[in-house]
Amino acid sequence: MRINANGIDIDYDVSGTDDGPVVVLSHSLGSSRVMWDPQMPALEAAYRVVSYDTRGHGGSSAPAEAYSLDQLGDDAMALLDALEIESAHWVGLSMGGMIGQNLALRQNGRLDSLVLCDTSAQIPAEARSTWDDRIAAADSGGMAPLAEPTLERWFTPDYLGGDPPAVAPIRQQFLDTPPAGFIGCCHALKPLDYLDRLGEIRLPTLIIVGEDDPGTPVAASEAMHERIAGSELAILPSAAHLSNIEQADAFNQALLGFLDGR
């Protein structure tokens, strides 16, 4: 389904139970709502699930400009407004977790709980040149040169070595991501610096991270856990950045255990 919200077209799906609590799924940079396929059956049994493509990704509009995290958060709230959803549980991985932090800090009352997966609250100043490199690479060569290095961060070598069927659609979605959208979101994420504000978050919060995540490592999740009062931390063995795919059963167990207790 597609709807115009906050000045762009947003591609989204609504599935699951009509009267269950609402869960919003927000994906990583360079992906789309397809990355949540391993979670859908488990969630749809008891929840109304809203999955959407972030600005610049999938079937949503990809304006050729720099985006901001506030803008990405406003897109999500505009979608919920259009669907007449007052509040929801937010589940975000990587970029989706950064958008979730933005909303938790700015949209008081719109989130019922927060699940931050393989994400971070801060991009260190010394790491921002890496984002400039990604922007330059996508601008000059498109997504193809970035694909394999990205997959090597997203999955452990053992998992990739087994050539699992779940990887092919993730690779293809990365290649299909509009370079303008990828670049726009890189600009949004590069200045991320919420770490010192996380104490303001007063939501039930679960933090999930793959033990072998090289991009947003366990230490980044531990830093968030220390600052968000009452938060829970689940570290999944034998998983890298897309822990929801590589260790789907363990991820779903942690996620449902948290949501079902709300």
C-alpha atoms as a PDB file:
ATOM      1  CA  MET A   1       0.000   0.000   0.000  1.00  0.00           C
ATOM      2  CA  ARG A   2       1.104   3.567  -0.584  1.00  0.00           C
ATOM      3  CA  ILE A   3       0.104   6.817   1.063  1.00  0.00           C
ATOM      4  CA  ASN A   4       1.232  10.424   0.782  1.00  0.00           C
ATOM      5  CA  ALA A   5       2.472  11.665   4.156  1.00  0.00           C
ATOM      6  CA  ASN A   6       4.841  14.458   5.183  1.00  0.00           C
ATOM      7  CA  GLY A   7       5.268  15.419   1.547  1.00  0.00           C
ATOM      8  CA  ILE A   8       6.399  12.032   0.195  1.00  0.00           C
ATOM      9  CA  ASP A   9       4.853   8.741  -0.882  1.00  0.00           C
ATOM     10  CA  ILE A  10       5.416   6.039   1.735  1.00  0.00           C
ATOM     11  CA  ASP A  11       5.096   2.354   0.863  1.00  0.00           C
ATOM     12  CA  TYR A  12       3.786   0.297   3.759  1.00  0.00           C
ATOM     13  CA  ASP A  13       1.892  -2.823   4.799  1.00  0.00           C
ATOM     14  CA  VAL A  14      -0.579  -3.412   7.610  1.00  0.00           C
ATOM     15  CA  SER A  15      -1.064  -7.026   8.629  1.00  0.00           C
ATOM     16  CA  GLY A  16      -1.884  -9.209  11.609  1.00  0.00           C
ATOM     17  CA  THR A  17      -4.883  -8.794  13.881  1.00  0.00           C
ATOM     18  CA  ASP A  18      -7.252  -5.873  13.380  1.00  0.00           C
ATOM     19  CA  ASP A  19      -7.692  -5.168  17.086  1.00  0.00           C
ATOM     20  CA  GLY A  20      -4.264  -6.095  18.487  1.00  0.00           C
ATOM     21  CA  PRO A  21      -1.687  -3.658  19.836  1.00  0.00           C
ATOM     22  CA  VAL A  22       0.166  -1.870  17.050  1.00  0.00           C
ATOM     23  CA  VAL A  23       3.824  -2.716  16.341  1.00  0.00           C
ATOM     24  CA  VAL A  24       5.779  -0.557  13.877  1.00  0.00           C
ATOM     25  CA  LEU A  25       8.821  -2.118  12.188  1.00  0.00           C
ATOM     26  CA  SER A  26      11.570   0.223  10.956  1.00  0.00           C
ATOM     27  CA  HIS A  27      14.401  -1.210   8.865  1.00  0.00           C
ATOM     28  CA  SER A  28      18.124  -0.606   8.426  1.00  0.00           C
ATOM     29  CA  LEU A  29      19.923   1.686   6.002  1.00  0.00           C
ATOM     30  CA  GLY A  30      20.103   0.096   2.557  1.00  0.00           C
ATOM     31  CA  SER A  31      17.213  -2.286   3.121  1.00  0.00           C
ATOM     32  CA  SER A  32      13.411  -2.135   3.192  1.00  0.00           C
ATOM     33  CA  ARG A  33      10.543  -3.732   5.050  1.00  0.00           C
ATOM     34  CA  VAL A  34      11.503  -7.027   3.370  1.00  0.00           C
ATOM     35  CA  MET A  35      14.139  -7.484   6.082  1.00  0.00           C
ATOM     36  CA  TRP A  36      11.384  -8.119   8.638  1.00  0.00           C
ATOM     37  CA  ASP A  37      10.048 -11.240   6.910  1.00  0.00           C
ATOM     38  CA  PRO A  38      11.451 -13.569   9.629  1.00  0.00           C
ATOM     39  CA  GLN A  39       9.477 -11.679  12.282  1.00  0.00           C
ATOM     40  CA  MET A  40       6.124 -11.391  10.523  1.00  0.00           C
ATOM     41  CA  PRO A  41       4.507 -14.764  11.371  1.00  0.00           C
ATOM     42  CA  ALA A  42       5.404 -14.439  15.045  1.00  0.00           C
ATOM     43  CA  LEU A  43       4.091 -10.878  15.311  1.00  0.00           C
ATOM     44  CA  GLU A  44       0.999 -11.212  13.142  1.00  0.00           C
ATOM     45  CA  ALA A  45      -0.552 -13.792  15.458  1.00  0.00           C
ATOM     46  CA  ALA A  46      -1.234 -11.222  18.177  1.00  0.00           C
ATOM     47  CA  TYR A  47      -0.382  -7.738  16.878  1.00  0.00           C
ATOM     48  CA  ARG A  48      -1.429  -5.254  14.226  1.00  0.00           C
ATOM     49  CA  VAL A  49       1.877  -4.887  12.361  1.00  0.00           C
ATOM     50  CA  VAL A  50       2.801  -1.772  10.387  1.00  0.00           C
ATOM     51  CA  SER A  51       5.939  -2.194   8.282  1.00  0.00           C
ATOM     52  CA  TYR A  52       7.061   0.595   5.996  1.00  0.00           C
ATOM     53  CA  ASP A  53       9.856   1.680   3.698  1.00  0.00           C
ATOM     54  CA  THR A  54      11.825   4.611   5.068  1.00  0.00           C
ATOM     55  CA  ARG A  55      12.229   7.709   2.904  1.00  0.00           C
ATOM     56  CA  GLY A  56      14.770   6.920   0.191  1.00  0.00           C
ATOM     57  CA  HIS A  57      14.243   3.151   0.348  1.00  0.00           C
ATOM     58  CA  GLY A  58      12.102   0.432  -1.187  1.00  0.00           C
ATOM     59  CA  GLY A  59       8.932   1.770  -2.735  1.00  0.00           C
ATOM     60  CA  SER A  60       8.933   5.084  -0.870  1.00  0.00           C
ATOM     61  CA  SER A  61       9.972   8.401  -2.418  1.00  0.00           C
ATOM     62  CA  ALA A  62      13.701   9.116  -2.637  1.00  0.00           C
ATOM     63  CA  PRO A  63      14.181  12.893  -2.934  1.00  0.00           C
ATOM     64  CA  ALA A  64      17.697  13.845  -4.014  1.00  0.00           C
ATOM     65  CA  GLU A  65      18.644  15.876  -0.952  1.00  0.00           C
ATOM     66  CA  ALA A  66      20.129  15.495   2.498  1.00  0.00           C
ATOM     67  CA  TYR A  67      17.619  14.152   5.011  1.00  0.00           C
ATOM     68  CA  SER A  68      17.554  14.642   8.785  1.00  0.00           C
ATOM     69  CA  LEU A  69      16.597  12.287  11.602  1.00  0.00           C
ATOM     70  CA  ASP A  70      13.808  14.665  12.591  1.00  0.00           C
ATOM     71  CA  GLN A  71      12.487  14.379   9.037  1.00  0.00           C
ATOM     72  CA  LEU A  72      12.624  10.570   9.123  1.00  0.00           C
ATOM     73  CA  GLY A  73      10.820  10.596  12.455  1.00  0.00           C
ATOM     74  CA  ASP A  74       8.196  12.992  11.133  1.00  0.00           C
ATOM     75  CA  ASP A  75       7.612  10.654   8.165  1.00  0.00           C
ATOM     76  CA  ALA A  76       6.796   7.814  10.548  1.00  0.00           C
ATOM     77  CA  MET A  77       4.454   9.935  12.659  1.00  0.00           C
ATOM     78  CA  ALA A  78       2.708  11.238   9.539  1.00  0.00           C
ATOM     79  CA  LEU A  79       2.140   7.640   8.438  1.00  0.00           C
ATOM     80  CA  LEU A  80       0.640   6.739  11.821  1.00  0.00           C
ATOM     81  CA  ASP A  81      -1.537   9.855  11.697  1.00  0.00           C
ATOM     82  CA  ALA A  82      -2.797   8.902   8.242  1.00  0.00           C
ATOM     83  CA  LEU A  83      -3.615   5.407   9.538  1.00  0.00           C
ATOM     84  CA  GLU A  84      -5.338   6.948  12.614  1.00  0.00           C
ATOM     85  CA  ILE A  85      -2.966   5.154  14.986  1.00  0.00           C
ATOM     86  CA  GLU A  86      -2.487   7.093  18.212  1.00  0.00           C
ATOM     87  CA  SER A  87       0.398   5.083  19.663  1.00  0.00           C
ATOM     88  CA  ALA A  88       2.482   2.008  18.896  1.00  0.00           C
ATOM     89  CA  HIS A  89       5.319  -0.212  19.987  1.00  0.00           C
ATOM     90  CA  TRP A  90       8.409   0.757  17.969  1.00  0.00           C
ATOM     91  CA  VAL A  91      10.838  -1.908  16.740  1.00  0.00           C
ATOM     92  CA  GLY A  92      13.791  -0.441  14.851  1.00  0.00           C
ATOM     93  CA  LEU A  93      17.036  -2.000  13.670  1.00  0.00           C
ATOM     94  CA  SER A  94      20.142   0.097  12.945  1.00  0.00           C
ATOM     95  CA  MET A  95      18.751   3.214  11.225  1.00  0.00           C
ATOM     96  CA  GLY A  96      15.314   2.174  12.454  1.00  0.00           C
ATOM     97  CA  GLY A  97      16.609   2.192  16.024  1.00  0.00           C
ATOM     98  CA  MET A  98      18.050   5.667  15.518  1.00  0.00           C
ATOM     99  CA  ILE A  99      14.658   6.872  14.268  1.00  0.00           C
ATOM    100  CA  GLY A 100      13.101   5.229  17.324  1.00  0.00           C
ATOM    101  CA  GLN A 101      15.383   7.170  19.655  1.00  0.00           C
ATOM    102  CA  ASN A 102      14.470  10.365  17.822  1.00  0.00           C
ATOM    103  CA  LEU A 103      10.774   9.679  18.340  1.00  0.00           C
ATOM    104  CA  ALA A 104      11.193   8.671  21.969  1.00  0.00           C
ATOM    105  CA  LEU A 105      12.919  11.991  22.634  1.00  0.00           C
ATOM    106  CA  ARG A 106      10.529  14.184  20.607  1.00  0.00           C
ATOM    107  CA  GLN A 107       7.101  12.533  20.448  1.00  0.00           C
ATOM    108  CA  ASN A 108       5.932  12.204  24.022  1.00  0.00           C
ATOM    109  CA  GLY A 109       3.027   9.776  24.260  1.00  0.00           C
ATOM    110  CA  ARG A 110       3.192   8.351  20.733  1.00  0.00           C
ATOM    111  CA  LEU A 111       5.290   5.287  21.620  1.00  0.00           C
ATOM    112  CA  ASP A 112       4.140   2.543  23.981  1.00  0.00           C
ATOM    113  CA  SER A 113       7.554   0.896  24.120  1.00  0.00           C
ATOM    114  CA  LEU A 114      10.888   0.946  22.334  1.00  0.00           C
ATOM    115  CA  VAL A 115      12.923  -1.936  20.897  1.00  0.00           C
ATOM    116  CA  LEU A 116      16.386  -0.851  19.719  1.00  0.00           C
ATOM    117  CA  CYS A 117      18.128  -3.516  17.653  1.00  0.00           C
ATOM    118  CA  ASP A 118      21.761  -3.476  16.494  1.00  0.00           C
ATOM    119  CA  THR A 119      21.909   0.285  16.685  1.00  0.00           C
ATOM    120  CA  SER A 120      23.771   3.116  18.385  1.00  0.00           C
ATOM    121  CA  ALA A 121      23.034   6.441  20.038  1.00  0.00           C
ATOM    122  CA  GLN A 122      26.152   8.197  18.789  1.00  0.00           C
ATOM    123  CA  ILE A 123      28.429   8.347  15.757  1.00  0.00           C
ATOM    124  CA  PRO A 124      31.873   9.283  17.118  1.00  0.00           C
ATOM    125  CA  ALA A 125      33.454  12.262  15.407  1.00  0.00           C
ATOM    126  CA  GLU A 126      36.366  10.127  14.234  1.00  0.00           C
ATOM    127  CA  ALA A 127      33.951   7.737  12.476  1.00  0.00           C
ATOM    128  CA  ARG A 128      32.108  10.354  10.462  1.00  0.00           C
ATOM    129  CA  SER A 129      34.637  10.192   7.637  1.00  0.00           C
ATOM    130  CA  THR A 130      33.398   6.636   7.025  1.00  0.00           C
ATOM    131  CA  TRP A 131      29.976   8.061   6.248  1.00  0.00           C
ATOM    132  CA  ASP A 132      31.549  10.571   3.872  1.00  0.00           C
ATOM    133  CA  ASP A 133      33.256   7.652   2.112  1.00  0.00           C
ATOM    134  CA  ARG A 134      29.934   5.816   1.723  1.00  0.00           C
ATOM    135  CA  ILE A 135      28.278   8.939   0.358  1.00  0.00           C
ATOM    136  CA  ALA A 136      31.091   9.444  -2.157  1.00  0.00           C
ATOM    137  CA  ALA A 137      31.033   5.780  -3.217  1.00  0.00           C
ATOM    138  CA  ALA A 138      27.269   5.729  -3.792  1.00  0.00           C
ATOM    139  CA  ASP A 139      27.409   9.042  -5.600  1.00  0.00           C
ATOM    140  CA  SER A 140      30.139   7.939  -7.992  1.00  0.00           C
ATOM    141  CA  GLY A 141      29.422   4.231  -8.469  1.00  0.00           C
ATOM    142  CA  GLY A 142      25.927   3.494  -7.246  1.00  0.00           C
ATOM    143  CA  MET A 143      25.151   0.743  -4.781  1.00  0.00           C
ATOM    144  CA  ALA A 144      27.018  -2.187  -6.369  1.00  0.00           C
ATOM    145  CA  PRO A 145      30.528  -1.381  -5.021  1.00  0.00           C
ATOM    146  CA  LEU A 146      29.110  -1.131  -1.497  1.00  0.00           C
ATOM    147  CA  ALA A 147      27.101  -4.347  -1.566  1.00  0.00           C
ATOM    148  CA  GLU A 148      29.610  -7.036  -0.598  1.00  0.00           C
ATOM    149  CA  PRO A 149      31.394  -5.007   2.125  1.00  0.00           C
ATOM    150  CA  THR A 150      27.974  -4.245   3.576  1.00  0.00           C
ATOM    151  CA  LEU A 151      26.877  -7.875   3.601  1.00  0.00           C
ATOM    152  CA  GLU A 152      30.144  -8.777   5.314  1.00  0.00           C
ATOM    153  CA  ARG A 153      29.210  -6.372   8.117  1.00  0.00           C
ATOM    154  CA  TRP A 154      25.616  -7.526   8.252  1.00  0.00           C
ATOM    155  CA  PHE A 155      26.287 -11.262   8.584  1.00  0.00           C
ATOM    156  CA  THR A 156      28.993 -13.412  10.156  1.00  0.00           C
ATOM    157  CA  PRO A 157      31.431 -15.231   7.824  1.00  0.00           C
ATOM    158  CA  ASP A 158      30.065 -18.610   8.918  1.00  0.00           C
ATOM    159  CA  TYR A 159      26.532 -17.591   8.024  1.00  0.00           C
ATOM    160  CA  LEU A 160      27.465 -16.141   4.646  1.00  0.00           C
ATOM    161  CA  GLY A 161      29.606 -19.172   3.916  1.00  0.00           C
ATOM    162  CA  GLY A 162      26.547 -21.393   4.126  1.00  0.00           C
ATOM    163  CA  ASP A 163      24.833 -19.412   1.351  1.00  0.00           C
ATOM    164  CA  PRO A 164      21.508 -19.233   3.218  1.00  0.00           C
ATOM    165  CA  PRO A 165      18.456 -18.311   1.133  1.00  0.00           C
ATOM    166  CA  ALA A 166      17.658 -15.333   3.371  1.00  0.00           C
ATOM    167  CA  VAL A 167      20.689 -13.411   2.086  1.00  0.00           C
ATOM    168  CA  ALA A 168      19.674 -13.148  -1.596  1.00  0.00           C
ATOM    169  CA  PRO A 169      16.665 -10.841  -1.088  1.00  0.00           C
ATOM    170  CA  ILE A 170      18.676  -8.683   1.310  1.00  0.00           C
ATOM    171  CA  ARG A 171      21.485  -8.338  -1.249  1.00  0.00           C
ATOM    172  CA  GLN A 172      18.995  -7.512  -4.003  1.00  0.00           C
ATOM    173  CA  GLN A 173      17.190  -4.928  -1.890  1.00  0.00           C
ATOM    174  CA  PHE A 174      20.494  -3.227  -1.119  1.00  0.00           C
ATOM    175  CA  LEU A 175      21.325  -3.107  -4.841  1.00  0.00           C
ATOM    176  CA  ASP A 176      17.840  -1.763  -5.602  1.00  0.00           C
ATOM    177  CA  THR A 177      18.091   1.054  -3.037  1.00  0.00           C
ATOM    178  CA  PRO A 178      18.147   4.399  -4.884  1.00  0.00           C
ATOM    179  CA  PRO A 179      21.596   5.964  -4.424  1.00  0.00           C
ATOM    180  CA  ALA A 180      19.912   9.319  -3.741  1.00  0.00           C
ATOM    181  CA  GLY A 181      17.921   7.753  -0.912  1.00  0.00           C
ATOM    182  CA  PHE A 182      20.939   5.997   0.554  1.00  0.00           C
ATOM    183  CA  ILE A 183      22.940   9.236   0.419  1.00  0.00           C
ATOM    184  CA  GLY A 184      20.091  11.255   1.916  1.00  0.00           C
ATOM    185  CA  CYS A 185      19.857   8.881   4.878  1.00  0.00           C
ATOM    186  CA  CYS A 186      23.638   8.811   5.337  1.00  0.00           C
ATOM    187  CA  HIS A 187      23.470  12.571   5.849  1.00  0.00           C
ATOM    188  CA  ALA A 188      20.732  12.048   8.447  1.00  0.00           C
ATOM    189  CA  LEU A 189      22.683   9.457  10.436  1.00  0.00           C
ATOM    190  CA  LYS A 190      26.200  10.908  10.274  1.00  0.00           C
ATOM    191  CA  PRO A 191      25.673  13.558  13.013  1.00  0.00           C
ATOM    192  CA  LEU A 192      23.826  11.161  15.374  1.00  0.00           C
ATOM    193  CA  ASP A 193      24.471  12.171  18.982  1.00  0.00           C
ATOM    194  CA  TYR A 194      21.710  11.160  21.390  1.00  0.00           C
ATOM    195  CA  LEU A 195      23.847   9.365  23.962  1.00  0.00           C
ATOM    196  CA  ASP A 196      23.787  12.075  26.629  1.00  0.00           C
ATOM    197  CA  ARG A 197      20.026  12.499  26.237  1.00  0.00           C
ATOM    198  CA  LEU A 198      18.999   8.879  26.630  1.00  0.00           C
ATOM    199  CA  GLY A 199      18.247   9.417  30.321  1.00  0.00           C
ATOM    200  CA  GLU A 200      15.204  11.400  29.154  1.00  0.00           C
ATOM    201  CA  ILE A 201      13.595   8.249  27.746  1.00  0.00           C
ATOM    202  CA  ARG A 202      10.987   6.886  30.129  1.00  0.00           C
ATOM    203  CA  LEU A 203       9.616   4.071  27.992  1.00  0.00           C
ATOM    204  CA  PRO A 204       9.830   0.326  28.507  1.00  0.00           C
ATOM    205  CA  THR A 205      12.876  -0.450  26.361  1.00  0.00           C
ATOM    206  CA  LEU A 206      14.496  -3.606  25.051  1.00  0.00           C
ATOM    207  CA  ILE A 207      17.927  -3.476  23.412  1.00  0.00           C
ATOM    208  CA  ILE A 208      18.922  -6.407  21.179  1.00  0.00           C
ATOM    209  CA  VAL A 209      22.365  -6.802  19.620  1.00  0.00           C
ATOM    210  CA  GLY A 210      24.282  -9.500  17.789  1.00  0.00           C
ATOM    211  CA  GLU A 211      27.356 -10.535  19.725  1.00  0.00           C
ATOM    212  CA  ASP A 212      29.485 -10.236  16.563  1.00  0.00           C
ATOM    213  CA  ASP A 213      28.033  -6.971  15.216  1.00  0.00           C
ATOM    214  CA  PRO A 214      31.018  -4.933  13.938  1.00  0.00           C
ATOM    215  CA  GLY A 215      29.109  -1.795  12.962  1.00  0.00           C
ATOM    216  CA  THR A 216      27.061  -1.150  16.094  1.00  0.00           C
ATOM    217  CA  PRO A 217      28.912  -3.369  18.561  1.00  0.00           C
ATOM    218  CA  VAL A 218      27.818  -4.714  21.918  1.00  0.00           C
ATOM    219  CA  ALA A 219      29.568  -1.795  23.628  1.00  0.00           C
ATOM    220  CA  ALA A 220      27.209   0.644  21.889  1.00  0.00           C
ATOM    221  CA  SER A 221      24.203  -1.303  23.157  1.00  0.00           C
ATOM    222  CA  GLU A 222      25.653  -1.477  26.651  1.00  0.00           C
ATOM    223  CA  ALA A 223      26.075   2.312  26.614  1.00  0.00           C
ATOM    224  CA  MET A 224      22.397   2.746  25.761  1.00  0.00           C
ATOM    225  CA  HIS A 225      21.376   0.159  28.350  1.00  0.00           C
ATOM    226  CA  GLU A 226      23.278   2.029  31.069  1.00  0.00           C
ATOM    227  CA  ARG A 227      21.489   5.287  30.280  1.00  0.00           C
ATOM    228  CA  ILE A 228      17.881   4.189  29.697  1.00  0.00           C
ATOM    229  CA  ALA A 229      16.447   3.447  33.123  1.00  0.00           C
ATOM    230  CA  GLY A 230      14.900  -0.006  33.441  1.00  0.00           C
ATOM    231  CA  SER A 231      15.938  -1.092  29.972  1.00  0.00           C
ATOM    232  CA  GLU A 232      16.601  -4.746  29.131  1.00  0.00           C
ATOM    233  CA  LEU A 233      19.574  -5.981  27.102  1.00  0.00           C
ATOM    234  CA  ALA A 234      19.645  -9.166  25.008  1.00  0.00           C
ATOM    235  CA  ILE A 235      22.931 -10.206  23.364  1.00  0.00           C
ATOM    236  CA  LEU A 236      22.455 -12.837  20.657  1.00  0.00           C
ATOM    237  CA  PRO A 237      25.405 -15.221  20.060  1.00  0.00           C
ATOM    238  CA  SER A 238      26.551 -16.022  16.514  1.00  0.00           C
ATOM    239  CA  ALA A 239      24.936 -12.960  14.965  1.00  0.00           C
ATOM    240  CA  ALA A 240      26.260  -9.810  13.330  1.00  0.00           C
ATOM    241  CA  HIS A 241      24.336  -6.678  12.336  1.00  0.00           C
ATOM    242  CA  LEU A 242      21.127  -8.187  10.944  1.00  0.00           C
ATOM    243  CA  SER A 243      20.613 -10.359  13.994  1.00  0.00           C
ATOM    244  CA  ASN A 244      16.885 -10.562  13.251  1.00  0.00           C
ATOM    245  CA  ILE A 245      17.747 -12.648  10.173  1.00  0.00           C
ATOM    246  CA  GLU A 246      20.849 -14.554  11.224  1.00  0.00           C
ATOM    247  CA  GLN A 247      19.356 -15.642  14.564  1.00  0.00           C
ATOM    248  CA  ALA A 248      15.665 -15.197  13.823  1.00  0.00           C
ATOM    249  CA  ASP A 249      14.405 -17.666  16.447  1.00  0.00           C
ATOM    250  CA  ALA A 250      16.420 -16.140  19.296  1.00  0.00           C
ATOM    251  CA  PHE A 251      15.536 -12.629  18.116  1.00  0.00           C
ATOM    252  CA  ASN A 252      11.824 -13.454  17.972  1.00  0.00           C
ATOM    253  CA  GLN A 253      11.935 -15.045  21.406  1.00  0.00           C
ATOM    254  CA  ALA A 254      13.486 -11.911  22.912  1.00  0.00           C
ATOM    255  CA  LEU A 255      11.144  -9.594  21.015  1.00  0.00           C
ATOM    256  CA  LEU A 256       7.916 -11.443  21.796  1.00  0.00           C
ATOM    257  CA  GLY A 257       8.950 -12.006  25.399  1.00  0.00           C
ATOM    258  CA  PHE A 258       9.273  -8.243  25.771  1.00  0.00           C
ATOM    259  CA  LEU A 259       6.184  -7.171  23.811  1.00  0.00           C
ATOM    260  CA  ASP A 260       3.892  -9.764  25.353  1.00  0.00           C
ATOM    261  CA  GLY A 261       4.751  -8.371  28.777  1.00  0.00           C
ATOM    262  CA  ARG A 262       3.644  -4.826  27.987  1.00  0.00           C
END
